[in-house]
Amino acid sequence: MSVEFDRDTVEKIKNRYENKPKVMSDFEELKALDKKVKNPPMIVAYIVGIIGILIFGVGMCFGLDVFGSNCLIWGIVVGVVGIAVMILNFVLYKKVLHNRKEKYAEQIISKSNDLLNA
């Protein structure tokens, strides 16, 4: 009994399991550096923004008497805290982005110049 197989399929399967070092081109390295700059501030912004929105939402629940008692003052206080966290989120995003840009600026500029002058 002979089993027929496709040589290309066997090669593809074999290549999936081989541990080859990934060689990146200069353009791919530039894109990876750009992601290193942009992703951490976005992650921080999402996390802090979600926390601020949840705090604001709890304040709205207090203000609308969802919890059953007259807590309008507490609702205003908690809502203002949530708004403050959301405002600080933008400042925090800008600060983290600025720090990441300073950290990777030289590498990105030199890699960009190499690609543009090539």
Protein backbone atom coordinates (compact mmCIF):
# COMPACT_ATOMS: atom_id res chain seq x y z
CA MET A 1 0.00 0.00 0.00
CA SER A 2 1.62 3.25 -1.07
CA VAL A 3 0.71 6.62 0.36
CA GLU A 4 0.84 9.53 -2.02
CA PHE A 5 1.84 12.90 -0.64
CA ASP A 6 2.47 16.39 -1.82
CA ARG A 7 6.09 17.40 -1.33
CA ASP A 8 5.21 21.09 -0.89
CA THR A 9 2.73 20.31 1.87
CA VAL A 10 5.30 18.20 3.70
CA GLU A 11 7.85 21.03 3.42
CA LYS A 12 5.35 23.57 4.81
CA ILE A 13 4.55 21.34 7.77
CA LYS A 14 8.24 20.74 8.42
CA ASN A 15 8.99 24.48 8.27
CA ARG A 16 6.35 25.22 10.90
CA TYR A 17 8.20 23.11 13.44
CA GLU A 18 11.76 24.14 12.68
CA ASN A 19 13.33 26.72 14.93
CA LYS A 20 14.82 29.20 12.54
CA PRO A 21 16.01 32.61 13.65
CA LYS A 22 13.74 35.25 12.17
CA VAL A 23 15.67 37.69 10.02
CA MET A 24 14.07 41.10 9.88
CA SER A 25 14.61 43.65 7.17
CA ASP A 26 15.42 47.24 8.05
CA PHE A 27 11.86 48.28 7.26
CA GLU A 28 10.45 45.58 9.55
CA GLU A 29 12.82 46.69 12.31
CA LEU A 30 11.65 50.29 11.84
CA LYS A 31 8.01 49.19 12.12
CA ALA A 32 8.82 47.17 15.26
CA LEU A 33 10.52 50.18 16.84
CA ASP A 34 7.52 52.34 16.00
CA LYS A 35 5.25 49.80 17.70
CA LYS A 36 7.53 49.88 20.77
CA VAL A 37 6.94 53.62 20.94
CA LYS A 38 3.17 53.63 20.33
CA ASN A 39 1.84 50.51 22.05
CA PRO A 40 2.73 51.11 25.74
CA PRO A 41 1.08 54.56 25.88
CA MET A 42 -2.03 53.14 24.21
CA ILE A 43 -2.22 50.29 26.71
CA VAL A 44 -1.83 52.72 29.62
CA ALA A 45 -4.47 55.01 28.11
CA TYR A 46 -6.96 52.16 27.69
CA ILE A 47 -6.46 50.88 31.24
CA VAL A 48 -6.65 54.29 32.93
CA GLY A 49 -9.53 55.36 30.67
CA ILE A 50 -11.55 52.28 31.54
CA ILE A 51 -10.90 52.85 35.25
CA GLY A 52 -12.01 56.48 34.91
CA ILE A 53 -15.17 55.52 33.04
CA LEU A 54 -16.04 52.88 35.64
CA ILE A 55 -15.56 55.38 38.48
CA PHE A 56 -17.71 57.90 36.62
CA GLY A 57 -20.35 55.22 36.07
CA VAL A 58 -20.45 54.40 39.76
CA GLY A 59 -20.92 58.09 40.46
CA MET A 60 -23.83 58.18 38.03
CA CYS A 61 -25.35 55.17 39.77
CA PHE A 62 -25.13 56.96 43.11
CA GLY A 63 -26.60 60.12 41.61
CA LEU A 64 -29.52 58.28 40.01
CA ASP A 65 -30.35 56.39 43.22
CA VAL A 66 -29.62 52.99 41.71
CA PHE A 67 -28.39 51.76 45.08
CA GLY A 68 -31.65 52.66 46.77
CA SER A 69 -30.77 55.60 48.97
CA ASN A 70 -30.54 59.31 48.34
CA CYS A 71 -26.83 59.67 47.53
CA LEU A 72 -26.78 62.60 45.13
CA ILE A 73 -23.85 64.28 46.90
CA TRP A 74 -21.80 61.07 46.84
CA GLY A 75 -22.70 60.61 43.20
CA ILE A 76 -21.40 64.06 42.34
CA VAL A 77 -18.18 63.49 44.28
CA VAL A 78 -17.49 60.08 42.75
CA GLY A 79 -18.46 61.35 39.29
CA VAL A 80 -16.04 64.28 39.56
CA VAL A 81 -13.29 61.86 40.60
CA GLY A 82 -14.04 59.76 37.51
CA ILE A 83 -13.92 62.86 35.30
CA ALA A 84 -10.58 63.83 36.88
CA VAL A 85 -9.15 60.38 36.13
CA MET A 86 -10.31 60.65 32.51
CA ILE A 87 -8.69 64.08 32.16
CA LEU A 88 -5.47 62.85 33.74
CA ASN A 89 -5.54 59.94 31.29
CA PHE A 90 -4.75 62.27 28.38
CA VAL A 91 -1.88 63.89 30.27
CA LEU A 92 -0.53 60.48 31.25
CA TYR A 93 -0.77 59.25 27.63
CA LYS A 94 1.16 62.26 26.36
CA LYS A 95 3.84 61.85 29.05
CA VAL A 96 4.39 58.14 28.38
CA LEU A 97 4.44 58.75 24.62
CA HIS A 98 6.98 61.55 25.04
CA ASN A 99 9.24 59.35 27.18
CA ARG A 100 9.05 56.47 24.69
CA LYS A 101 9.82 58.83 21.79
CA GLU A 102 12.89 60.14 23.61
CA LYS A 103 14.05 56.61 24.35
CA TYR A 104 13.80 55.31 20.77
CA ALA A 105 14.24 58.50 18.73
CA GLU A 106 17.90 57.95 17.83
CA GLN A 107 17.35 54.38 16.69
CA ILE A 108 14.28 55.27 14.63
CA ILE A 109 15.95 58.28 13.00
CA SER A 110 19.13 56.35 12.12
CA LYS A 111 17.10 53.41 10.75
CA SER A 112 14.91 55.83 8.75
CA ASN A 113 17.94 57.64 7.35
CA ASP A 114 19.49 54.31 6.33
CA LEU A 115 16.33 53.34 4.47
CA LEU A 116 15.89 56.73 2.81
CA ASN A 117 19.53 56.97 1.70
CA ALA A 118 19.71 53.43 0.37
